[in-house]
Amino acid sequence: MSDQGIGTRLISAFSILVLLVVGLLLVMFYISPQFFIEGTHKALEEFHADENIRMALGCTGALFVLLSIIQIYVSCFRLRKEQVFSFENSNGRVKVAFSAIEGFVKRRGLEIKEIKDLIPKVSITKNGLQIKSKVILKSDVDIPSSTSKLQETIKNYVGDVLGIKDLTSVEIYVTKIAKSEIKRDEEDIK
């Protein structure tokens, strides 16, 4: 389940292919520079002689430049469009940014003593709001009760404090169980 679109995956696959070809050419140059230079010279003469091949290479070059610009935009400059969850109350429409919900959930989740770290991700489904959280638990905790407590806390907090009643699910993914403080202190002494 990736957040990447098909365009981003195609550009990534294309980039990998280009890097592979360039890498193989450089290895070939290292192994046999004379063969590489002669082969390249011969291929370039044939490409230059044929107008159609030159046109195809020019278009391919322009496509490479365009794809590079798109890749730079996608990977560096694309700002996450601020997604919001909206609902109606008696005074009108209310919009709450996903980033605000994620911040509230993180702060509330970290108040639970069994939770060492929490990274929530809010998304919208056809049935309502969904919160998925990656969690690092402290050592020696009961995972089922700790995660259930976290789910209940998040659900109640989002419903009561933020006023969002359309919460469809709260999913927890335990990514790590942290070392205990006693063991960490013993490791620091050694």
Protein backbone atom coordinates (compact mmCIF):
# COMPACT_ATOMS: atom_id res chain seq x y z
CA MET A 1 0.00 0.00 0.00
CA SER A 2 2.10 2.88 -1.27
CA ASP A 3 1.38 6.58 -1.32
CA GLN A 4 3.20 6.89 -4.66
CA GLY A 5 1.14 7.39 -7.77
CA ILE A 6 1.65 5.44 -10.97
CA GLY A 7 3.48 8.39 -12.55
CA THR A 8 6.00 8.55 -9.73
CA ARG A 9 6.59 4.80 -9.94
CA LEU A 10 7.08 4.99 -13.70
CA ILE A 11 9.58 7.82 -13.36
CA SER A 12 11.42 5.89 -10.64
CA ALA A 13 11.55 2.75 -12.79
CA PHE A 14 12.74 4.78 -15.77
CA SER A 15 15.41 6.46 -13.63
CA ILE A 16 16.64 3.08 -12.43
CA LEU A 17 16.81 1.81 -16.02
CA VAL A 18 18.81 4.86 -17.16
CA LEU A 19 21.20 4.51 -14.23
CA LEU A 20 21.65 0.82 -15.02
CA VAL A 21 22.48 1.52 -18.67
CA VAL A 22 24.90 4.33 -17.79
CA GLY A 23 26.51 2.14 -15.15
CA LEU A 24 26.98 -0.73 -17.61
CA LEU A 25 28.48 1.65 -20.16
CA LEU A 26 30.96 2.97 -17.59
CA VAL A 27 31.92 -0.58 -16.57
CA MET A 28 32.40 -1.43 -20.25
CA PHE A 29 34.60 1.68 -20.62
CA TYR A 30 36.67 0.56 -17.62
CA ILE A 31 37.13 -2.98 -18.95
CA SER A 32 37.96 -2.03 -22.54
CA PRO A 33 38.31 1.69 -23.27
CA GLN A 34 39.39 1.12 -26.86
CA PHE A 35 36.39 -1.11 -27.67
CA PHE A 36 34.06 1.37 -25.93
CA ILE A 37 35.43 4.37 -27.85
CA GLU A 38 35.37 2.60 -31.22
CA GLY A 39 31.87 1.21 -30.62
CA THR A 40 30.56 4.57 -29.47
CA HIS A 41 32.15 6.38 -32.42
CA LYS A 42 30.66 3.89 -34.91
CA ALA A 43 27.20 4.08 -33.30
CA LEU A 44 27.26 7.89 -33.27
CA GLU A 45 28.24 8.02 -36.97
CA GLU A 46 25.29 5.76 -37.84
CA PHE A 47 22.91 7.78 -35.69
CA HIS A 48 24.11 11.04 -37.23
CA ALA A 49 23.70 9.74 -40.79
CA ASP A 50 20.04 8.76 -40.35
CA GLU A 51 17.60 11.71 -39.99
CA ASN A 52 14.90 9.55 -38.32
CA ILE A 53 17.28 8.23 -35.68
CA ARG A 54 18.50 11.77 -34.95
CA MET A 55 14.88 12.91 -34.56
CA ALA A 56 14.13 9.97 -32.24
CA LEU A 57 17.23 10.71 -30.15
CA GLY A 58 16.31 14.41 -29.95
CA CYS A 59 12.78 13.59 -28.80
CA THR A 60 14.14 11.06 -26.32
CA GLY A 61 16.53 13.68 -24.95
CA ALA A 62 13.68 16.17 -24.59
CA LEU A 63 11.64 13.49 -22.82
CA PHE A 64 14.56 12.81 -20.44
CA VAL A 65 14.77 16.51 -19.60
CA LEU A 66 11.01 16.72 -19.02
CA LEU A 67 11.00 13.60 -16.84
CA SER A 68 13.95 14.95 -14.86
CA ILE A 69 12.13 18.21 -14.22
CA ILE A 70 9.02 16.30 -13.13
CA GLN A 71 11.10 14.06 -10.85
CA ILE A 72 12.77 17.07 -9.25
CA TYR A 73 9.38 18.69 -8.71
CA VAL A 74 7.83 15.54 -7.27
CA SER A 75 10.70 14.66 -4.95
CA CYS A 76 11.83 18.10 -3.80
CA PHE A 77 9.30 20.85 -4.29
CA ARG A 78 5.89 19.28 -4.10
CA LEU A 79 4.16 20.56 -1.03
CA ARG A 80 1.66 18.31 0.61
CA LYS A 81 -1.70 19.77 -0.22
CA GLU A 82 -3.25 20.45 3.11
CA GLN A 83 -5.97 17.88 3.49
CA VAL A 84 -8.85 18.65 5.77
CA PHE A 85 -11.72 16.85 7.38
CA SER A 86 -14.89 18.90 7.41
CA PHE A 87 -18.16 18.50 9.24
CA GLU A 88 -21.21 20.56 10.07
CA ASN A 89 -22.17 21.78 13.50
CA SER A 90 -24.97 24.10 14.63
CA ASN A 91 -22.98 27.23 13.72
CA GLY A 92 -21.78 26.09 10.30
CA ARG A 93 -19.04 24.16 8.61
CA VAL A 94 -15.83 23.23 10.47
CA LYS A 95 -12.64 22.18 8.72
CA VAL A 96 -9.82 20.51 10.63
CA ALA A 97 -6.46 19.97 8.92
CA PHE A 98 -5.11 16.42 8.97
CA SER A 99 -1.83 17.77 10.32
CA ALA A 100 -3.70 19.29 13.28
CA ILE A 101 -5.43 15.97 14.00
CA GLU A 102 -2.10 14.14 13.75
CA GLY A 103 -0.51 16.61 16.18
CA PHE A 104 -3.36 16.25 18.66
CA VAL A 105 -3.26 12.46 18.42
CA LYS A 106 0.51 12.36 18.91
CA ARG A 107 0.42 14.60 21.99
CA ARG A 108 -2.47 12.66 23.51
CA GLY A 109 -0.89 9.28 22.72
CA LEU A 110 2.43 10.22 24.29
CA GLU A 111 0.61 10.94 27.55
CA ILE A 112 0.06 7.19 27.89
CA LYS A 113 2.95 5.87 29.98
CA GLU A 114 3.39 2.68 27.90
CA ILE A 115 3.99 4.66 24.67
CA LYS A 116 7.55 5.77 23.92
CA ASP A 117 6.85 7.30 20.49
CA LEU A 118 3.91 7.62 18.12
CA ILE A 119 3.60 8.66 14.48
CA PRO A 120 -0.06 9.04 13.43
CA LYS A 121 -1.23 9.26 9.81
CA VAL A 122 -4.75 10.49 9.13
CA SER A 123 -6.60 9.57 5.95
CA ILE A 124 -10.14 9.74 4.69
CA THR A 125 -12.11 6.74 3.50
CA LYS A 126 -15.57 6.52 2.00
CA ASN A 127 -16.93 5.76 5.48
CA GLY A 128 -15.12 8.52 7.36
CA LEU A 129 -11.84 9.31 9.04
CA GLN A 130 -9.16 6.68 9.57
CA ILE A 131 -6.10 7.00 11.81
CA LYS A 132 -3.13 4.68 11.45
CA SER A 133 -0.38 5.02 14.00
CA LYS A 134 3.13 3.61 14.09
CA VAL A 135 4.03 3.06 17.72
CA ILE A 136 7.14 2.35 19.75
CA LEU A 137 6.20 0.78 23.05
CA LYS A 138 8.23 0.85 26.22
CA SER A 139 9.60 -2.48 27.35
CA ASP A 140 7.73 -4.91 29.57
CA VAL A 141 4.24 -3.72 28.65
CA ASP A 142 1.18 -5.77 27.84
CA ILE A 143 0.86 -5.14 24.11
CA PRO A 144 -2.86 -6.01 23.72
CA SER A 145 -3.98 -3.84 26.62
CA SER A 146 -1.57 -0.99 25.77
CA THR A 147 -2.65 -0.82 22.14
CA SER A 148 -6.31 -1.15 23.10
CA LYS A 149 -5.87 1.69 25.58
CA LEU A 150 -4.22 3.81 22.89
CA GLN A 151 -6.98 3.05 20.37
CA GLU A 152 -9.68 3.94 22.88
CA THR A 153 -7.86 7.11 23.92
CA ILE A 154 -7.47 8.24 20.31
CA LYS A 155 -11.07 7.43 19.46
CA ASN A 156 -12.43 9.26 22.52
CA TYR A 157 -10.07 12.19 22.09
CA VAL A 158 -10.89 12.73 18.42
CA GLY A 159 -14.60 12.34 19.09
CA ASP A 160 -14.90 14.40 22.27
CA VAL A 161 -12.26 17.08 21.97
CA LEU A 162 -12.12 17.63 18.22
CA GLY A 163 -15.81 16.91 17.67
CA ILE A 164 -15.20 14.41 14.86
CA LYS A 165 -17.75 11.62 15.09
CA ASP A 166 -17.02 9.95 11.73
CA LEU A 167 -13.95 8.00 12.94
CA THR A 168 -14.09 4.64 11.17
CA SER A 169 -10.97 2.98 12.55
CA VAL A 170 -7.87 3.46 14.62
CA GLU A 171 -5.14 1.08 13.48
CA ILE A 172 -1.97 0.54 15.49
CA TYR A 173 1.27 -0.82 14.07
CA VAL A 174 3.86 -1.59 16.74
CA THR A 175 7.18 -0.97 15.03
CA LYS A 176 9.48 -1.49 17.99
CA ILE A 177 9.60 -2.31 21.67
CA ALA A 178 12.18 -0.10 23.35
CA LYS A 179 14.85 -1.40 25.70
CA SER A 180 14.18 -0.97 29.38
CA GLU A 181 15.86 1.90 31.20
CA ILE A 182 17.68 -0.50 33.55
CA LYS A 183 19.23 -2.43 30.64
CA ARG A 184 20.15 0.81 28.91
CA ASP A 185 21.89 2.05 32.08
CA GLU A 186 23.81 -1.24 32.33
CA GLU A 187 24.91 -0.90 28.68
CA ASP A 188 26.09 2.66 29.31
CA ILE A 189 28.28 1.48 32.23
CA LYS A 190 30.09 -1.14 30.09
